[in-house]
C-alpha atoms as a PDB file:
ATOM      1  CA  MET A   1       4.579  17.401  13.246  1.00  0.00           C
ATOM      2  CA  ASN A   2       1.013  19.118  13.502  1.00  0.00           C
ATOM      3  CA  ARG A   3      -1.706  18.312  10.952  1.00  0.00           C
ATOM      4  CA  PRO A   4      -5.191  18.817  11.448  1.00  0.00           C
ATOM      5  CA  PRO A   5      -7.126  16.718   9.976  1.00  0.00           C
ATOM      6  CA  ALA A   6      -7.062  14.535   7.567  1.00  0.00           C
ATOM      7  CA  PRO A   7     -10.323  15.109   5.859  1.00  0.00           C
ATOM      8  CA  LYS A   8      -9.724  12.497   2.640  1.00  0.00           C
ATOM      9  CA  GLY A   9      -9.082   9.717   5.812  1.00  0.00           C
ATOM     10  CA  VAL A  10      -6.133   7.306   6.620  1.00  0.00           C
ATOM     11  CA  LEU A  11      -4.636   6.204   3.987  1.00  0.00           C
ATOM     12  CA  TYR A  12      -2.683   2.673   5.460  1.00  0.00           C
ATOM     13  CA  VAL A  13       0.893   2.747   3.078  1.00  0.00           C
ATOM     14  CA  ILE A  14       2.789  -0.800   2.893  1.00  0.00           C
ATOM     15  CA  VAL A  15       6.250  -0.768   1.698  1.00  0.00           C
ATOM     16  CA  CYS A  16       7.968  -3.059   0.044  1.00  0.00           C
ATOM     17  CA  ALA A  17      11.253  -4.296   0.107  1.00  0.00           C
ATOM     18  CA  ALA A  18      11.889  -3.011  -3.316  1.00  0.00           C
ATOM     19  CA  GLY A  19      14.383  -0.821  -5.258  1.00  0.00           C
ATOM     20  CA  ALA A  20      11.666   1.502  -5.222  1.00  0.00           C
ATOM     21  CA  ALA A  21      11.349   1.219  -2.058  1.00  0.00           C
ATOM     22  CA  PRO A  22      12.913   4.999  -0.980  1.00  0.00           C
ATOM     23  CA  THR A  23      10.821   6.998  -3.394  1.00  0.00           C
ATOM     24  CA  ALA A  24       7.400   5.356  -1.750  1.00  0.00           C
ATOM     25  CA  GLN A  25       8.572   8.809   0.360  1.00  0.00           C
ATOM     26  CA  ASP A  26       7.214  10.873  -2.855  1.00  0.00           C
ATOM     27  CA  LEU A  27       3.907   8.771  -2.807  1.00  0.00           C
ATOM     28  CA  VAL A  28       3.675   9.805   1.044  1.00  0.00           C
ATOM     29  CA  ALA A  29       4.248  13.116   0.492  1.00  0.00           C
ATOM     30  CA  ALA A  30       1.747  13.668  -2.087  1.00  0.00           C
ATOM     31  CA  ALA A  31      -1.012  11.575  -0.120  1.00  0.00           C
ATOM     32  CA  LEU A  32      -0.239  14.230   3.362  1.00  0.00           C
ATOM     33  CA  ASP A  33      -0.371  16.532   0.416  1.00  0.00           C
ATOM     34  CA  GLU A  34      -4.114  15.344  -0.427  1.00  0.00           C
ATOM     35  CA  GLY A  35      -5.429  16.011   2.864  1.00  0.00           C
ATOM     36  CA  TRP A  36      -4.775  11.493   3.443  1.00  0.00           C
ATOM     37  CA  GLU A  37      -3.765  11.107   6.658  1.00  0.00           C
ATOM     38  CA  VAL A  38      -1.082   8.146   6.535  1.00  0.00           C
ATOM     39  CA  GLN A  39       0.595   4.866   8.356  1.00  0.00           C
ATOM     40  CA  VAL A  40       3.546   3.474   6.902  1.00  0.00           C
ATOM     41  CA  VAL A  41       4.302   0.262   7.024  1.00  0.00           C
ATOM     42  CA  ALA A  42       6.298  -1.941   5.998  1.00  0.00           C
ATOM     43  CA  THR A  43       6.989  -5.738   5.310  1.00  0.00           C
ATOM     44  CA  PRO A  44      10.145  -7.069   7.922  1.00  0.00           C
ATOM     45  CA  SER A  45      11.918  -7.242   4.514  1.00  0.00           C
ATOM     46  CA  ALA A  46      11.484  -3.332   3.965  1.00  0.00           C
ATOM     47  CA  LEU A  47      12.861  -2.119   7.282  1.00  0.00           C
ATOM     48  CA  GLY A  48      16.196  -1.846   5.217  1.00  0.00           C
ATOM     49  CA  PHE A  49      15.527  -0.655   1.993  1.00  0.00           C
ATOM     50  CA  PHE A  50      14.334   3.427   3.412  1.00  0.00           C
ATOM     51  CA  ASP A  51      14.905   5.555   5.718  1.00  0.00           C
ATOM     52  CA  VAL A  52      12.720   4.507   8.581  1.00  0.00           C
ATOM     53  CA  ALA A  53      12.759   8.173  10.701  1.00  0.00           C
ATOM     54  CA  ALA A  54      12.889   9.841   7.087  1.00  0.00           C
ATOM     55  CA  PHE A  55       8.711   9.146   7.127  1.00  0.00           C
ATOM     56  CA  GLU A  56       8.220   8.926  10.855  1.00  0.00           C
ATOM     57  CA  GLU A  57       8.984  12.767  10.495  1.00  0.00           C
ATOM     58  CA  LEU A  58       7.261  13.083   7.186  1.00  0.00           C
ATOM     59  CA  THR A  59       3.634  11.721   9.016  1.00  0.00           C
ATOM     60  CA  GLY A  60       4.531  12.283  12.395  1.00  0.00           C
ATOM     61  CA  ARG A  61       3.544   8.118  13.609  1.00  0.00           C
ATOM     62  CA  PRO A  62       6.300   5.370  13.738  1.00  0.00           C
ATOM     63  CA  VAL A  63       6.507   2.529  11.266  1.00  0.00           C
ATOM     64  CA  LYS A  64       4.900  -0.214  11.837  1.00  0.00           C
ATOM     65  CA  SER A  65       6.075  -3.683  10.766  1.00  0.00           C
ATOM     66  CA  ARG A  66       4.821  -6.440  12.784  1.00  0.00           C
ATOM     67  CA  TYR A  67       1.370  -6.235  15.401  1.00  0.00           C
ATOM     68  CA  ARG A  68       1.176  -4.469  18.094  1.00  0.00           C
ATOM     69  CA  ARG A  69       1.924  -6.090  22.019  1.00  0.00           C
ATOM     70  CA  PRO A  70      -1.276  -5.301  24.263  1.00  0.00           C
ATOM     71  CA  ASP A  71       0.250  -2.926  25.856  1.00  0.00           C
ATOM     72  CA  GLU A  72       0.962  -0.747  22.758  1.00  0.00           C
ATOM     73  CA  PRO A  73      -1.634   1.854  21.278  1.00  0.00           C
ATOM     74  CA  LYS A  74      -3.813   0.675  18.519  1.00  0.00           C
ATOM     75  CA  PRO A  75      -3.146   2.979  15.117  1.00  0.00           C
ATOM     76  CA  PRO A  76      -5.909   4.142  13.247  1.00  0.00           C
ATOM     77  CA  ARG A  77      -8.585   1.763  11.175  1.00  0.00           C
ATOM     78  CA  ALA A  78      -7.742   2.148   7.464  1.00  0.00           C
ATOM     79  CA  ASP A  79     -10.291   4.242   5.291  1.00  0.00           C
ATOM     80  CA  ALA A  80      -7.810   3.323   2.136  1.00  0.00           C
ATOM     81  CA  ILE A  81      -4.329   0.768   1.200  1.00  0.00           C
ATOM     82  CA  VAL A  82      -1.465   1.504  -1.433  1.00  0.00           C
ATOM     83  CA  VAL A  83       0.605  -1.064  -1.203  1.00  0.00           C
ATOM     84  CA  ALA A  84       4.062   0.520  -3.265  1.00  0.00           C
ATOM     85  CA  PRO A  85       6.213  -0.693  -4.179  1.00  0.00           C
ATOM     86  CA  ALA A  86       4.377  -4.465  -3.553  1.00  0.00           C
ATOM     87  CA  THR A  87       7.058  -7.197  -4.992  1.00  0.00           C
ATOM     88  CA  TYR A  88       6.013 -10.735  -6.026  1.00  0.00           C
ATOM     89  CA  ASN A  89       6.044 -12.248  -3.566  1.00  0.00           C
ATOM     90  CA  THR A  90       3.663  -9.743  -1.310  1.00  0.00           C
ATOM     91  CA  VAL A  91       1.677  -9.507  -4.749  1.00  0.00           C
ATOM     92  CA  ASN A  92       1.710 -13.574  -4.297  1.00  0.00           C
ATOM     93  CA  LYS A  93       0.888 -13.829  -0.710  1.00  0.00           C
ATOM     94  CA  PHE A  94      -1.479 -11.383  -0.685  1.00  0.00           C
ATOM     95  CA  ALA A  95      -3.850 -12.990  -3.440  1.00  0.00           C
ATOM     96  CA  GLN A  96      -3.085 -16.853  -1.477  1.00  0.00           C
ATOM     97  CA  GLY A  97      -4.411 -14.957   1.204  1.00  0.00           C
ATOM     98  CA  ILE A  98      -1.538 -15.963   3.150  1.00  0.00           C
ATOM     99  CA  ALA A  99      -0.945 -13.473   6.600  1.00  0.00           C
ATOM    100  CA  ASP A 100       2.533 -14.288   7.762  1.00  0.00           C
ATOM    101  CA  THR A 101       4.055 -10.395   8.019  1.00  0.00           C
ATOM    102  CA  TYR A 102       1.842  -7.898   9.845  1.00  0.00           C
ATOM    103  CA  ALA A 103       1.215  -6.252   6.283  1.00  0.00           C
ATOM    104  CA  LEU A 104       0.041  -8.897   5.345  1.00  0.00           C
ATOM    105  CA  GLY A 105      -2.166  -9.352   8.147  1.00  0.00           C
ATOM    106  CA  LEU A 106      -3.631  -6.567   7.102  1.00  0.00           C
ATOM    107  CA  LEU A 107      -4.379  -7.191   3.694  1.00  0.00           C
ATOM    108  CA  ALA A 108      -5.873 -10.119   4.060  1.00  0.00           C
ATOM    109  CA  GLU A 109      -8.512  -8.539   5.855  1.00  0.00           C
ATOM    110  CA  ALA A 110      -8.864  -4.759   3.792  1.00  0.00           C
ATOM    111  CA  PRO A 111     -10.948  -6.777   0.526  1.00  0.00           C
ATOM    112  CA  GLY A 112     -13.872  -8.305   3.205  1.00  0.00           C
ATOM    113  CA  LEU A 113     -13.580  -4.876   5.467  1.00  0.00           C
ATOM    114  CA  GLY A 114     -15.197  -2.673   1.921  1.00  0.00           C
ATOM    115  CA  ILE A 115     -11.523  -1.282   2.722  1.00  0.00           C
ATOM    116  CA  PRO A 116     -10.410   0.372  -1.065  1.00  0.00           C
ATOM    117  CA  VAL A 117      -6.613  -1.163  -1.057  1.00  0.00           C
ATOM    118  CA  VAL A 118      -3.726  -0.990  -4.756  1.00  0.00           C
ATOM    119  CA  VAL A 119      -1.012  -2.402  -5.182  1.00  0.00           C
ATOM    120  CA  VAL A 120       1.446  -0.868  -7.513  1.00  0.00           C
ATOM    121  CA  PRO A 121       4.199  -4.760  -8.754  1.00  0.00           C
ATOM    122  CA  PHE A 122       8.103  -3.830  -9.000  1.00  0.00           C
ATOM    123  CA  VAL A 123       8.511  -6.370 -10.707  1.00  0.00           C
ATOM    124  CA  ASN A 124      11.034  -7.028 -13.403  1.00  0.00           C
ATOM    125  CA  ALA A 125      10.068  -8.875 -16.753  1.00  0.00           C
ATOM    126  CA  ALA A 126      11.217 -12.440 -16.414  1.00  0.00           C
ATOM    127  CA  LEU A 127       8.670 -12.422 -12.653  1.00  0.00           C
ATOM    128  CA  ALA A 128       5.129 -10.210 -14.049  1.00  0.00           C
ATOM    129  CA  SER A 129       5.051 -13.038 -17.065  1.00  0.00           C
ATOM    130  CA  ARG A 130       4.463 -15.964 -14.988  1.00  0.00           C
ATOM    131  CA  LEU A 131       2.076 -17.803 -14.035  1.00  0.00           C
ATOM    132  CA  PRO A 132       1.274 -17.549 -10.902  1.00  0.00           C
ATOM    133  CA  PHE A 133       1.642 -13.778 -10.635  1.00  0.00           C
ATOM    134  CA  LEU A 134      -0.344 -13.376 -13.781  1.00  0.00           C
ATOM    135  CA  ARG A 135      -3.588 -15.712 -11.541  1.00  0.00           C
ATOM    136  CA  GLY A 136      -2.788 -13.589  -8.629  1.00  0.00           C
ATOM    137  CA  VAL A 137      -3.310  -9.993 -10.265  1.00  0.00           C
ATOM    138  CA  GLU A 138      -6.529 -11.665 -11.511  1.00  0.00           C
ATOM    139  CA  THR A 139      -7.899 -12.923  -8.560  1.00  0.00           C
ATOM    140  CA  LEU A 140      -6.310  -9.682  -6.414  1.00  0.00           C
ATOM    141  CA  ARG A 141      -8.860  -8.043 -10.039  1.00  0.00           C
ATOM    142  CA  ALA A 142     -11.448 -10.201  -8.834  1.00  0.00           C
ATOM    143  CA  GLU A 143     -12.211  -9.562  -5.715  1.00  0.00           C
ATOM    144  CA  GLY A 144     -12.023  -5.774  -6.455  1.00  0.00           C
ATOM    145  CA  VAL A 145      -8.420  -4.992  -5.932  1.00  0.00           C
ATOM    146  CA  ARG A 146      -6.833  -2.401  -8.412  1.00  0.00           C
ATOM    147  CA  VAL A 147      -3.924  -3.835  -9.402  1.00  0.00           C
ATOM    148  CA  LEU A 148      -1.652  -0.674 -11.525  1.00  0.00           C
ATOM    149  CA  LEU A 149       0.948  -3.639 -13.924  1.00  0.00           C
ATOM    150  CA  ASP A 150       3.898  -2.345 -15.710  1.00  0.00           C
ATOM    151  CA  PRO A 151       6.527  -5.191 -16.025  1.00  0.00           C
ATOM    152  CA  ALA A 152       8.629  -2.490 -17.527  1.00  0.00           C
ATOM    153  CA  ASN A 153       8.557  -0.228 -14.575  1.00  0.00           C
ATOM    154  CA  GLU A 154       8.895   2.784 -16.775  1.00  0.00           C
ATOM    155  CA  ALA A 155       6.153   4.109 -14.092  1.00  0.00           C
ATOM    156  CA  TRP A 156       9.015   4.293 -11.318  1.00  0.00           C
ATOM    157  CA  ASN A 157      10.537   7.394 -13.102  1.00  0.00           C
ATOM    158  CA  GLY A 158       9.412   9.951 -10.791  1.00  0.00           C
ATOM    159  CA  SER A 159       6.695  10.939  -9.205  1.00  0.00           C
ATOM    160  CA  LYS A 160       3.880   8.983 -11.913  1.00  0.00           C
ATOM    161  CA  PRO A 161       3.038   6.623 -10.146  1.00  0.00           C
ATOM    162  CA  TRP A 162       2.062   7.918  -7.378  1.00  0.00           C
ATOM    163  CA  ARG A 163      -0.696  10.221  -8.826  1.00  0.00           C
ATOM    164  CA  THR A 164      -1.831   7.274 -10.627  1.00  0.00           C
ATOM    165  CA  ALA A 165      -2.132   5.599  -6.933  1.00  0.00           C
ATOM    166  CA  LEU A 166      -3.738   8.006  -5.393  1.00  0.00           C
ATOM    167  CA  ALA A 167      -6.496   8.526  -7.567  1.00  0.00           C
ATOM    168  CA  ALA A 168      -7.508   4.957  -7.989  1.00  0.00           C
ATOM    169  CA  VAL A 169      -7.636   4.783  -4.610  1.00  0.00           C
ATOM    170  CA  GLU A 170      -9.864   7.673  -4.459  1.00  0.00           C
ATOM    171  CA  GLU A 171     -12.292   6.180  -7.482  1.00  0.00           C
ATOM    172  CA  LEU A 172     -11.928   2.639  -5.848  1.00  0.00           C
ATOM    173  CA  GLY A 173     -13.612   4.871  -2.458  1.00  0.00           C
ATOM    174  CA  ARG A 174     -16.351   6.529  -4.583  1.00  0.00           C
ATOM    175  CA  LEU A 175     -17.480   3.690  -6.400  1.00  0.00           C
ATOM    176  CA  ARG A 176     -17.732   2.286  -2.490  1.00  0.00           C
ATOM    177  CA  ARG A 177     -19.215   4.466  -1.206  1.00  0.00           C
ATOM    178  CA  ASP A 178     -22.097   4.373  -4.173  1.00  0.00           C
ATOM    179  CA  ASP A 179     -22.860   1.418  -4.142  1.00  0.00           C
ATOM    180  CA  THR A 180     -23.428   1.332  -0.754  1.00  0.00           C
ATOM    181  CA  GLY A 181     -25.192   4.592  -0.113  1.00  0.00           C
END
């Protein structure tokens, strides 16, 4: 699919292995409509949770889930990242700086590179109430990551979290530009 150059830049959408993973296609479509070029990155477990071909057709780009080999082209650098749906494991590993997958490697570097990151967790109330998770959310927020926490997952009905996530990433980008410029 040929699209004009993205006026907003490159948005990485990192999809984790959660029940809401197929609905991330709505986030991708909304981001494209708002002028982003989108690169979908999936955790290895997430690949079985959504239609990879549908995401690739929508973005015109291959879904990435592993580090590239030296003979493969580099994907475009992210201007912003939205992690949705973000699992309990991903939130906790991101907060601890664990980079044991391609997706987590990107996330581990993003705050240090000044890349705006928005995380939309999809966890049940029991996991959302655990101290490791709450500490992880606090740690991420302290580093400037926007975590849109909804322990009841009410925001996952329809496309409600997508516009909120996109608005949050735009706001973070504006704040970073104001701080540097």
